[in-house]
Amino acid sequence: MLSIVMPILIVHPVIERMTLETIDSVYKTTLGEWELILVVHGETPLHFKCFYPRVQMVYNKERMAISEAYNLGFKQAKGDIFCCLHNDVMLPFGWNYLMDQVAREGNISFPMLKEEKEFCRLRGIIPTEPWQTPACCFMFSRDLWDRLGGYDEQFKEMHGEDIDLFKRAEDMGVKLVRCDVEVYHRRGATRALVSDGGGKAFIDNWNKYYFKHRKQPGEVLNLPRVNERPEVFHNYKKEVSFDERHS
């Protein structure tokens, strides 16, 4: 079974609308057996439950960082495949079919982003960081999650917790695999409403990432230039694609 965890860091009319649209997208496009776990702080509008009875709600009194929200949500998960999903993503029909197969082979699978016009090279906490993948939607096995120990909760608010997770996975020999699945990520609503727009968290989490992954005191992380960065991602091809099989 696929367990999808979706954090809702702030209750706001804009985020509420986007969340409802994302939940609706999950209902209409996800194949097979699945569960959706929303992790929220405080009270959440009752219509989340009324409209979508299959949705599980996990509450926390204090507002959490996204790393804490995912860790809390996956503690409740029953599936053998996990998915981190942001609440501003629109999914195509059958989106989980190929990503699920890739994750079951011990990899981390993620889609292409329609908005970015690129496969996976996102601007983030470290613009040239090769482990920066689309954290808005990716899959992995329960076993891999347990081996990684989940997200590192020293990363507060948002920024950095994702590339730290992917960097640790890659260090373990796990492949980061982009699949021939295109999702639409609207981005930015939560970040704009969090504290100072994420600016302080961005700087703080960069420092945490730097000190965590340097090999010795005083070392400068050897980040490649944009046109020289190593290709650590792997394209995933099947002899028969999902579209061909169901055409």
Protein backbone atom coordinates (compact mmCIF):
# COMPACT_ATOMS: atom_id res chain seq x y z
CA MET A 1 0.00 0.00 0.00
CA LEU A 2 1.07 3.57 -0.71
CA SER A 3 1.11 5.95 2.27
CA ILE A 4 1.03 9.62 1.26
CA VAL A 5 1.86 12.24 3.90
CA MET A 6 0.92 15.86 3.25
CA PRO A 7 1.92 18.56 5.78
CA ILE A 8 -0.24 21.66 6.21
CA LEU A 9 2.05 24.09 7.98
CA ILE A 10 -0.31 27.07 8.01
CA VAL A 11 -4.11 27.35 7.90
CA HIS A 12 -4.90 30.14 5.45
CA PRO A 13 -7.66 30.57 2.83
CA VAL A 14 -5.21 30.36 -0.09
CA ILE A 15 -3.48 27.28 1.30
CA GLU A 16 -6.82 25.72 2.21
CA ARG A 17 -8.04 26.05 -1.38
CA MET A 18 -4.82 24.62 -2.83
CA THR A 19 -4.89 21.77 -0.32
CA LEU A 20 -8.44 20.80 -1.28
CA GLU A 21 -7.47 20.80 -4.95
CA THR A 22 -4.43 18.61 -4.24
CA ILE A 23 -6.51 16.15 -2.20
CA ASP A 24 -9.04 16.02 -5.02
CA SER A 25 -6.19 15.32 -7.43
CA VAL A 26 -4.98 12.43 -5.25
CA TYR A 27 -8.48 10.92 -5.20
CA LYS A 28 -8.93 11.13 -8.96
CA THR A 29 -5.49 10.04 -10.17
CA THR A 30 -3.96 7.55 -7.70
CA LEU A 31 -4.05 3.87 -8.65
CA GLY A 32 -4.20 0.87 -6.33
CA GLU A 33 -4.44 0.85 -2.56
CA TRP A 34 -3.42 4.07 -0.82
CA GLU A 35 -3.93 6.24 2.24
CA LEU A 36 -3.55 9.99 2.65
CA ILE A 37 -2.37 11.46 5.97
CA LEU A 38 -2.65 15.21 6.59
CA VAL A 39 -0.42 16.61 9.31
CA VAL A 40 -1.73 19.94 10.60
CA HIS A 41 -1.30 22.23 13.57
CA GLY A 42 -4.22 23.47 15.65
CA GLU A 43 -7.73 23.14 14.28
CA THR A 44 -8.53 22.36 10.66
CA PRO A 45 -11.81 23.20 8.88
CA LEU A 46 -14.28 20.35 9.27
CA HIS A 47 -14.98 20.11 5.55
CA PHE A 48 -11.61 18.43 5.09
CA LYS A 49 -13.20 15.43 6.80
CA CYS A 50 -16.66 15.87 5.30
CA PHE A 51 -15.49 16.03 1.69
CA TYR A 52 -12.79 13.38 1.98
CA PRO A 53 -13.64 10.70 4.56
CA ARG A 54 -10.62 8.56 3.58
CA VAL A 55 -8.24 11.30 4.68
CA GLN A 56 -6.57 10.77 8.05
CA MET A 57 -5.86 13.82 10.20
CA VAL A 58 -2.87 14.07 12.53
CA TYR A 59 -2.98 17.13 14.78
CA ASN A 60 -0.24 18.91 16.67
CA LYS A 61 -0.84 21.85 19.00
CA GLU A 62 2.29 23.74 17.95
CA ARG A 63 3.19 24.68 14.40
CA MET A 64 5.87 22.31 13.15
CA ALA A 65 8.73 22.47 10.72
CA ILE A 66 8.11 20.45 7.58
CA SER A 67 10.71 17.89 8.73
CA GLU A 68 8.81 17.35 12.00
CA ALA A 69 5.48 17.12 10.19
CA TYR A 70 6.67 14.38 7.84
CA ASN A 71 8.26 12.40 10.67
CA LEU A 72 5.03 12.58 12.66
CA GLY A 73 2.90 11.61 9.69
CA PHE A 74 4.93 8.56 8.70
CA LYS A 75 4.71 7.24 12.26
CA GLN A 76 1.01 6.71 11.50
CA ALA A 77 1.57 5.23 8.04
CA LYS A 78 0.55 1.63 7.30
CA GLY A 79 1.97 1.23 3.80
CA ASP A 80 5.19 -0.33 2.56
CA ILE A 81 5.81 2.55 0.12
CA PHE A 82 5.90 6.15 1.37
CA CYS A 83 5.32 9.38 -0.53
CA CYS A 84 6.10 12.95 0.55
CA LEU A 85 3.62 15.27 -1.14
CA HIS A 86 3.24 19.04 -0.84
CA ASN A 87 -0.25 20.49 -0.69
CA ASP A 88 0.16 22.54 -3.88
CA VAL A 89 0.78 19.77 -6.43
CA MET A 90 -1.53 18.63 -9.22
CA LEU A 91 -1.07 15.02 -10.32
CA PRO A 92 -1.73 13.28 -13.66
CA PHE A 93 -3.73 10.07 -13.85
CA GLY A 94 -1.67 7.04 -12.84
CA TRP A 95 1.19 9.19 -11.53
CA ASN A 96 2.12 6.64 -8.85
CA TYR A 97 2.39 3.61 -11.15
CA LEU A 98 5.98 4.02 -12.35
CA MET A 99 7.24 5.85 -9.26
CA ASP A 100 6.00 2.97 -7.08
CA GLN A 101 7.93 0.41 -9.15
CA VAL A 102 11.12 2.44 -8.90
CA ALA A 103 10.76 2.88 -5.13
CA ARG A 104 10.23 -0.86 -4.65
CA GLU A 105 13.65 -1.44 -6.23
CA GLY A 106 15.26 0.47 -3.35
CA ASN A 107 15.51 3.84 -5.06
CA ILE A 108 14.06 7.27 -4.37
CA SER A 109 11.73 8.14 -7.24
CA PHE A 110 10.54 11.58 -8.21
CA PRO A 111 8.73 13.16 -11.17
CA MET A 112 9.51 15.90 -13.63
CA LEU A 113 8.05 19.30 -12.83
CA LYS A 114 5.96 20.95 -15.51
CA GLU A 115 6.40 24.40 -13.99
CA GLU A 116 10.20 24.25 -14.00
CA LYS A 117 10.53 23.27 -17.67
CA GLU A 118 13.39 21.04 -16.49
CA PHE A 119 13.76 17.54 -15.12
CA CYS A 120 15.01 18.28 -11.64
CA ARG A 121 17.52 21.13 -11.44
CA LEU A 122 15.79 23.37 -8.94
CA ARG A 123 16.91 26.59 -7.36
CA GLY A 124 17.06 26.03 -3.63
CA ILE A 125 19.19 26.34 -0.53
CA ILE A 126 22.28 25.53 -2.62
CA PRO A 127 21.74 26.51 -6.27
CA THR A 128 24.40 24.10 -7.56
CA GLU A 129 23.66 21.28 -5.13
CA PRO A 130 23.33 18.07 -7.15
CA TRP A 131 21.14 16.42 -4.50
CA GLN A 132 18.42 19.04 -4.83
CA THR A 133 15.46 17.07 -6.20
CA PRO A 134 11.77 17.97 -6.42
CA ALA A 135 10.87 17.49 -2.76
CA CYS A 136 7.25 18.38 -3.51
CA CYS A 137 6.60 14.78 -4.59
CA PHE A 138 8.83 11.74 -4.20
CA MET A 139 8.59 8.08 -3.15
CA PHE A 140 10.69 5.57 -1.25
CA SER A 141 10.23 2.34 0.66
CA ARG A 142 9.40 2.08 4.34
CA ASP A 143 12.63 0.15 4.78
CA LEU A 144 14.69 2.99 3.31
CA TRP A 145 12.90 5.53 5.50
CA ASP A 146 13.73 3.47 8.57
CA ARG A 147 17.38 3.16 7.55
CA LEU A 148 17.63 6.91 6.98
CA GLY A 149 15.94 7.64 10.29
CA GLY A 150 13.52 10.04 8.61
CA TYR A 151 14.11 13.77 8.29
CA ASP A 152 16.67 15.53 10.46
CA GLU A 153 14.53 17.79 12.67
CA GLN A 154 17.33 20.28 13.30
CA PHE A 155 16.21 21.86 10.01
CA LYS A 156 13.46 24.27 11.04
CA GLU A 157 10.65 25.83 9.00
CA MET A 158 11.65 24.70 5.49
CA HIS A 159 14.73 24.61 3.23
CA GLY A 160 17.57 22.11 3.44
CA GLU A 161 15.84 19.17 5.10
CA ASP A 162 15.18 17.65 1.70
CA ILE A 163 18.69 17.84 0.24
CA ASP A 164 20.06 16.56 3.55
CA LEU A 165 17.81 13.50 3.24
CA PHE A 166 18.77 12.90 -0.39
CA LYS A 167 22.47 13.44 0.33
CA ARG A 168 22.37 10.85 3.12
CA ALA A 169 20.53 8.43 0.84
CA GLU A 170 23.04 8.89 -1.98
CA ASP A 171 25.89 8.33 0.47
CA MET A 172 24.26 4.95 1.26
CA GLY A 173 24.31 4.00 -2.41
CA VAL A 174 20.65 4.78 -3.07
CA LYS A 175 19.83 5.98 -6.58
CA LEU A 176 17.81 9.17 -7.08
CA VAL A 177 15.63 8.29 -10.05
CA ARG A 178 13.56 10.71 -12.12
CA CYS A 179 10.57 9.06 -13.74
CA ASP A 180 8.69 9.83 -16.91
CA VAL A 181 5.86 11.41 -14.94
CA GLU A 182 5.07 15.11 -15.11
CA VAL A 183 3.38 16.89 -12.20
CA TYR A 184 2.45 20.53 -11.79
CA HIS A 185 3.83 22.31 -8.72
CA ARG A 186 2.37 25.74 -7.97
CA ARG A 187 4.83 26.51 -5.16
CA GLY A 188 5.39 29.41 -2.84
CA ALA A 189 2.18 29.99 -0.84
CA THR A 190 3.37 28.46 2.43
CA ARG A 191 6.85 29.95 2.16
CA ALA A 192 5.42 33.44 1.67
CA LEU A 193 3.33 33.13 4.83
CA VAL A 194 5.98 31.58 7.10
CA SER A 195 7.72 34.11 9.39
CA ASP A 196 9.90 36.33 7.17
CA GLY A 197 9.11 34.47 4.00
CA GLY A 198 11.67 31.81 4.81
CA GLY A 199 14.69 34.12 4.63
CA LYS A 200 16.09 33.50 8.12
CA ALA A 201 15.29 29.78 7.94
CA PHE A 202 17.09 29.64 4.59
CA ILE A 203 20.30 31.04 6.11
CA ASP A 204 20.07 29.02 9.33
CA ASN A 205 19.45 25.75 7.52
CA TRP A 206 22.26 26.37 5.05
CA ASN A 207 24.64 26.71 8.01
CA LYS A 208 23.28 23.49 9.53
CA TYR A 209 23.71 21.63 6.25
CA TYR A 210 27.25 22.96 5.81
CA PHE A 211 28.45 22.01 9.29
CA LYS A 212 26.77 18.62 9.11
CA HIS A 213 28.24 17.48 5.80
CA ARG A 214 31.74 18.93 5.87
CA LYS A 215 34.32 16.23 6.56
CA GLN A 216 36.63 18.27 8.78
CA PRO A 217 36.66 21.68 10.52
CA GLY A 218 37.34 24.54 8.17
CA GLU A 219 36.55 22.55 5.04
CA VAL A 220 34.71 24.36 2.29
CA LEU A 221 32.13 22.11 0.67
CA ASN A 222 33.29 21.46 -2.87
CA LEU A 223 30.14 22.41 -4.73
CA PRO A 224 30.48 22.13 -8.52
CA ARG A 225 29.75 25.04 -10.79
CA VAL A 226 26.44 25.08 -12.59
CA ASN A 227 27.91 23.80 -15.85
CA GLU A 228 30.23 21.30 -14.14
CA ARG A 229 28.01 19.63 -11.54
CA PRO A 230 28.03 15.83 -11.56
CA GLU A 231 25.01 13.92 -12.80
CA VAL A 232 23.85 11.85 -9.84
CA PHE A 233 20.34 11.27 -11.15
CA HIS A 234 19.30 8.22 -13.09
CA ASN A 235 16.67 8.11 -15.83
CA TYR A 236 14.24 5.22 -15.47
CA LYS A 237 13.01 3.47 -18.59
CA LYS A 238 10.66 0.52 -18.88
CA GLU A 239 10.23 -1.68 -21.94
CA VAL A 240 6.51 -0.93 -21.80
CA SER A 241 5.44 2.41 -20.34
CA PHE A 242 2.25 2.97 -18.36
CA ASP A 243 0.68 4.95 -21.22
CA GLU A 244 1.47 2.22 -23.76
CA ARG A 245 0.14 -0.52 -21.51
CA HIS A 246 -3.16 1.27 -20.91
CA SER A 247 -3.67 2.86 -24.32
